[in-house]
């Protein structure tokens, strides 16, 4: 984690805090000028901004020695701050009648950061870490260092760039962050690929076989028996260890033809 630098690791939470503060103050000023029914409009803006703060803050905090607990604490605290920022208490004034228009206006202002955040996340989304492009892997990791899949995607890109040592370090962080070993198979595959890139073929083969067993077990448990979609041969196996799916398939076809004869 240290090799990524403080700016990369702590930039996302600082950005989220800055957005919450700016949006909260901005909503408070805007509502004071745009709406007469400020109390309900400010409350609606607070709710929308708190939703953004909670969702964005959880993924924005980088991994720590204390596991996932600090991310939840950071998310809750920032959400509470967001609830207070647009609010303006008007002492001595009678309760205002609830009107839909100011509430919709306030909620819309409060949800703007959340819509922008979700839009960026959607543009950076990927189905599998190894399928992420360079731009997706880099910026997903910068936006959400609390997401283990982002670390795996960056590890794949780093390995393709030829830095096997850094890729292994990134993979180790992803393995520590993944809850309940959900990324264990993908992590084993990437570790096998790192070893194969270093021409340590026997150890790479053992790890890859363990990954295949996990993939098969997961498929059986979820009744998704089509293993073709979950099977992925590490690229470095073919380049450094001479183990390629095509050769295995051809051998299997030849054996099958020989058996039929």
Protein backbone atom coordinates (compact mmCIF):
# COMPACT_ATOMS: atom_id res chain seq x y z
CA UNK A 1 0.00 0.00 0.00
CA UNK A 2 2.85 2.38 0.76
CA UNK A 3 4.14 2.21 -2.80
CA UNK A 4 0.96 3.83 -4.08
CA UNK A 5 1.61 7.00 -2.12
CA UNK A 6 -0.40 9.09 0.30
CA UNK A 7 -2.04 11.14 -2.46
CA UNK A 8 -3.44 8.06 -4.17
CA UNK A 9 -4.64 6.45 -0.94
CA UNK A 10 -6.01 9.44 0.93
CA UNK A 11 -7.06 11.53 -2.05
CA UNK A 12 -10.51 9.87 -2.44
CA UNK A 13 -11.69 10.40 1.18
CA UNK A 14 -10.40 13.98 1.08
CA UNK A 15 -12.30 14.51 -2.17
CA UNK A 16 -15.52 13.08 -0.71
CA UNK A 17 -15.22 15.28 2.39
CA UNK A 18 -14.62 18.31 0.20
CA UNK A 19 -17.63 17.54 -1.99
CA UNK A 20 -19.88 17.06 1.06
CA UNK A 21 -18.77 20.35 2.62
CA UNK A 22 -19.05 22.30 -0.63
CA UNK A 23 -22.41 20.76 -1.56
CA UNK A 24 -23.82 21.27 1.92
CA UNK A 25 -22.86 24.94 2.08
CA UNK A 26 -23.91 25.46 -1.53
CA UNK A 27 -27.31 23.88 -0.94
CA UNK A 28 -27.82 26.02 2.14
CA UNK A 29 -27.05 29.23 0.24
CA UNK A 30 -29.07 28.21 -2.82
CA UNK A 31 -32.14 27.23 -0.83
CA UNK A 32 -32.07 30.48 1.12
CA UNK A 33 -32.48 32.34 -2.17
CA UNK A 34 -34.62 29.94 -4.20
CA UNK A 35 -37.18 28.75 -1.68
CA UNK A 36 -39.25 30.41 1.00
CA UNK A 37 -39.97 27.08 2.65
CA UNK A 38 -36.36 26.65 3.73
CA UNK A 39 -36.80 24.21 6.59
CA UNK A 40 -38.34 21.33 4.64
CA UNK A 41 -36.20 22.03 1.58
CA UNK A 42 -33.05 21.97 3.71
CA UNK A 43 -34.14 18.74 5.38
CA UNK A 44 -34.67 17.10 1.98
CA UNK A 45 -31.27 18.33 0.79
CA UNK A 46 -29.70 16.93 3.96
CA UNK A 47 -31.17 13.49 3.32
CA UNK A 48 -29.94 13.43 -0.29
CA UNK A 49 -26.47 14.62 0.66
CA UNK A 50 -26.27 12.13 3.52
CA UNK A 51 -27.00 9.28 1.09
CA UNK A 52 -24.10 10.40 -1.09
CA UNK A 53 -21.80 10.78 1.90
CA UNK A 54 -22.58 7.30 3.22
CA UNK A 55 -22.21 5.50 -0.13
CA UNK A 56 -19.14 7.37 -1.36
CA UNK A 57 -17.31 7.47 1.97
CA UNK A 58 -17.45 3.70 2.48
CA UNK A 59 -15.52 2.93 -0.71
CA UNK A 60 -13.36 6.05 -0.61
CA UNK A 61 -11.50 5.19 2.60
CA UNK A 62 -8.38 3.10 1.87
CA UNK A 63 -7.78 -0.22 3.65
CA UNK A 64 -6.44 -0.01 7.20
CA UNK A 65 -5.05 -2.37 9.81
CA UNK A 66 -8.46 -2.45 11.51
CA UNK A 67 -10.35 -4.07 8.64
CA UNK A 68 -13.67 -2.74 7.35
CA UNK A 69 -14.81 -1.10 10.63
CA UNK A 70 -13.13 2.30 9.99
CA UNK A 71 -14.84 2.55 6.59
CA UNK A 72 -18.28 2.12 8.18
CA UNK A 73 -17.45 4.61 10.94
CA UNK A 74 -16.19 7.15 8.39
CA UNK A 75 -19.33 6.67 6.29
CA UNK A 76 -21.70 7.14 9.25
CA UNK A 77 -19.87 10.19 10.62
CA UNK A 78 -19.74 11.91 7.24
CA UNK A 79 -23.43 11.13 6.67
CA UNK A 80 -24.28 12.77 10.00
CA UNK A 81 -22.23 15.82 9.04
CA UNK A 82 -24.07 15.97 5.73
CA UNK A 83 -27.40 15.91 7.57
CA UNK A 84 -26.47 19.02 9.54
CA UNK A 85 -24.78 21.15 6.86
CA UNK A 86 -27.78 22.39 4.81
CA UNK A 87 -29.95 22.68 7.89
CA UNK A 88 -30.78 26.13 9.21
CA UNK A 89 -32.75 26.36 12.43
CA UNK A 90 -35.13 29.27 12.56
CA UNK A 91 -35.82 29.94 16.23
CA UNK A 92 -39.03 31.75 17.11
CA UNK A 93 -40.73 31.01 13.79
CA UNK A 94 -43.94 28.97 13.62
CA UNK A 95 -43.76 25.56 11.88
CA UNK A 96 -43.92 25.85 8.11
CA UNK A 97 -46.54 24.03 6.10
CA UNK A 98 -45.12 21.14 4.10
CA UNK A 99 -45.08 21.92 0.38
CA UNK A 100 -43.98 19.43 -2.32
CA UNK A 101 -42.08 21.89 -4.53
CA UNK A 102 -39.44 22.99 -1.98
CA UNK A 103 -38.97 19.40 -0.83
CA UNK A 104 -38.37 18.21 -4.41
CA UNK A 105 -35.99 21.13 -5.00
CA UNK A 106 -34.02 20.42 -1.84
CA UNK A 107 -33.86 16.68 -2.49
CA UNK A 108 -32.70 17.30 -6.05
CA UNK A 109 -29.88 19.57 -4.89
CA UNK A 110 -28.85 17.07 -2.23
CA UNK A 111 -28.83 14.15 -4.66
CA UNK A 112 -26.75 15.86 -7.36
CA UNK A 113 -23.40 14.62 -5.95
CA UNK A 114 -24.78 11.09 -5.62
CA UNK A 115 -26.00 11.03 -9.24
CA UNK A 116 -22.61 12.30 -10.43
CA UNK A 117 -20.77 9.71 -8.33
CA UNK A 118 -22.94 6.83 -9.54
CA UNK A 119 -22.54 7.99 -13.14
CA UNK A 120 -18.76 7.94 -12.88
CA UNK A 121 -18.83 4.55 -11.15
CA UNK A 122 -21.04 3.19 -13.93
CA UNK A 123 -18.58 4.39 -16.56
CA UNK A 124 -15.72 2.68 -14.71
CA UNK A 125 -17.59 -0.58 -14.02
CA UNK A 126 -16.24 -3.94 -15.21
CA UNK A 127 -17.58 -7.49 -15.02
CA UNK A 128 -14.32 -9.16 -13.98
CA UNK A 129 -11.07 -7.57 -12.71
CA UNK A 130 -9.01 -9.11 -15.51
CA UNK A 131 -11.36 -7.59 -18.11
CA UNK A 132 -10.90 -4.01 -16.91
CA UNK A 133 -9.08 -1.62 -19.21
CA UNK A 134 -6.18 0.50 -18.05
CA UNK A 135 -8.34 3.59 -17.59
CA UNK A 136 -11.04 1.66 -15.72
CA UNK A 137 -8.57 -0.08 -13.40
CA UNK A 138 -6.59 3.07 -12.61
CA UNK A 139 -9.51 5.39 -11.92
CA UNK A 140 -11.68 2.80 -10.18
CA UNK A 141 -8.81 2.25 -7.76
CA UNK A 142 -8.39 5.98 -7.27
CA UNK A 143 -12.10 6.53 -6.64
CA UNK A 144 -12.72 3.46 -4.49
CA UNK A 145 -9.59 2.14 -2.77
CA UNK A 146 -11.94 0.33 -0.39
CA UNK A 147 -13.07 -2.00 -3.21
CA UNK A 148 -10.92 -5.18 -3.40
CA UNK A 149 -11.95 -5.74 -7.03
CA UNK A 150 -10.35 -2.40 -7.89
CA UNK A 151 -7.06 -3.61 -6.40
CA UNK A 152 -7.25 -6.84 -8.40
CA UNK A 153 -7.97 -4.94 -11.62
CA UNK A 154 -4.99 -2.67 -10.99
CA UNK A 155 -2.84 -5.72 -10.23
CA UNK A 156 -3.74 -7.21 -13.62
CA UNK A 157 -2.76 -3.99 -15.37
CA UNK A 158 0.47 -3.78 -13.39
CA UNK A 159 1.38 -7.35 -14.33
CA UNK A 160 0.71 -6.63 -18.00
CA UNK A 161 3.05 -3.67 -17.70
CA UNK A 162 5.78 -6.05 -16.52
CA UNK A 163 5.92 -5.17 -12.81
CA UNK A 164 5.28 -8.60 -11.26
CA UNK A 165 6.48 -7.61 -7.77
CA UNK A 166 4.04 -4.72 -7.46
CA UNK A 167 1.26 -6.84 -8.93
CA UNK A 168 1.85 -9.43 -6.22
CA UNK A 169 1.68 -6.73 -3.51
CA UNK A 170 -1.60 -5.40 -4.91
CA UNK A 171 -3.01 -8.92 -5.05
CA UNK A 172 -2.11 -9.48 -1.39
CA UNK A 173 -4.02 -6.34 -0.39
CA UNK A 174 -7.07 -7.47 -2.39
CA UNK A 175 -6.98 -10.88 -0.71
CA UNK A 176 -6.93 -9.28 2.75
CA UNK A 177 -9.83 -6.97 1.93
CA UNK A 178 -12.18 -9.48 0.27
CA UNK A 179 -14.86 -10.56 2.78
CA UNK A 180 -15.29 -14.29 3.28
CA UNK A 181 -12.81 -15.22 0.56
CA UNK A 182 -15.19 -14.09 -2.20
CA UNK A 183 -12.27 -13.25 -4.47
CA UNK A 184 -10.15 -16.22 -3.46
CA UNK A 185 -10.32 -17.94 -6.86
CA UNK A 186 -9.54 -14.74 -8.76
CA UNK A 187 -6.70 -13.99 -6.35
CA UNK A 188 -5.21 -17.47 -6.77
CA UNK A 189 -5.39 -17.13 -10.55
CA UNK A 190 -3.54 -13.84 -10.46
CA UNK A 191 -0.92 -15.18 -8.06
CA UNK A 192 -0.44 -18.12 -10.43
CA UNK A 193 0.01 -15.72 -13.31
CA UNK A 194 2.63 -13.76 -11.37
CA UNK A 195 4.55 -16.97 -10.64
CA UNK A 196 4.28 -18.07 -14.26
CA UNK A 197 5.65 -14.71 -15.37
CA UNK A 198 8.67 -15.48 -13.19
CA UNK A 199 8.90 -18.97 -14.82
CA UNK A 200 8.03 -20.69 -11.53
CA UNK A 201 5.73 -23.05 -13.38
CA UNK A 202 5.22 -25.81 -10.80
CA UNK A 203 4.04 -23.46 -8.06
CA UNK A 204 1.96 -21.57 -10.61
CA UNK A 205 0.29 -24.77 -11.76
CA UNK A 206 -0.58 -25.76 -8.16
CA UNK A 207 -2.19 -22.40 -7.45
CA UNK A 208 -4.08 -22.43 -10.72
CA UNK A 209 -5.45 -25.92 -10.02
CA UNK A 210 -6.62 -24.71 -6.60
CA UNK A 211 -8.37 -21.81 -8.32
CA UNK A 212 -10.10 -24.19 -10.73
CA UNK A 213 -11.31 -26.31 -7.81
CA UNK A 214 -12.74 -23.23 -6.13
CA UNK A 215 -14.43 -22.14 -9.34
CA UNK A 216 -15.99 -25.58 -9.74
CA UNK A 217 -17.14 -25.63 -6.11
CA UNK A 218 -18.70 -22.17 -6.43
CA UNK A 219 -20.47 -23.24 -9.63
CA UNK A 220 -21.88 -26.35 -7.95
CA UNK A 221 -23.04 -24.41 -4.89
CA UNK A 222 -24.82 -21.80 -6.99
CA UNK A 223 -26.09 -24.36 -9.55
CA UNK A 224 -24.22 -22.48 -12.28
CA UNK A 225 -22.69 -25.55 -13.88
CA UNK A 226 -21.36 -23.85 -17.00
CA UNK A 227 -17.68 -23.63 -16.06
CA UNK A 228 -16.66 -22.24 -19.44
CA UNK A 229 -17.46 -18.68 -18.39
CA UNK A 230 -15.49 -18.96 -15.14
CA UNK A 231 -12.45 -20.65 -16.69
CA UNK A 232 -9.53 -18.34 -17.42
CA UNK A 233 -6.08 -19.49 -18.47
CA UNK A 234 -3.36 -17.11 -17.23
CA UNK A 235 -1.61 -15.47 -20.16
CA UNK A 236 1.87 -16.03 -18.80
CA UNK A 237 1.26 -19.81 -18.70
CA UNK A 238 1.34 -20.06 -22.47
CA UNK A 239 4.30 -17.67 -22.79
CA UNK A 240 6.57 -19.03 -20.04
CA UNK A 241 5.33 -22.50 -19.11
CA UNK A 242 4.06 -23.91 -22.39
CA UNK A 243 0.63 -24.70 -20.97
CA UNK A 244 -2.14 -23.47 -23.28
CA UNK A 245 -5.80 -24.44 -23.53
CA UNK A 246 -5.55 -24.95 -27.28
CA UNK A 247 -2.95 -27.69 -26.93
CA UNK A 248 -5.01 -29.47 -24.28
CA UNK A 249 -8.12 -29.28 -26.45
CA UNK A 250 -6.33 -30.67 -29.49
CA UNK A 251 -4.88 -33.54 -27.44
CA UNK A 252 -8.30 -34.29 -26.05
CA UNK A 253 -9.83 -34.31 -29.54
CA UNK A 254 -7.08 -36.60 -30.82
CA UNK A 255 -7.60 -39.00 -27.93
CA UNK A 256 -11.33 -39.00 -28.56
CA UNK A 257 -10.85 -39.73 -32.26
CA UNK A 258 -8.41 -42.53 -31.44
CA UNK A 259 -10.91 -44.05 -29.04
CA UNK A 260 -13.65 -43.96 -31.66
CA UNK A 261 -11.45 -45.77 -34.17
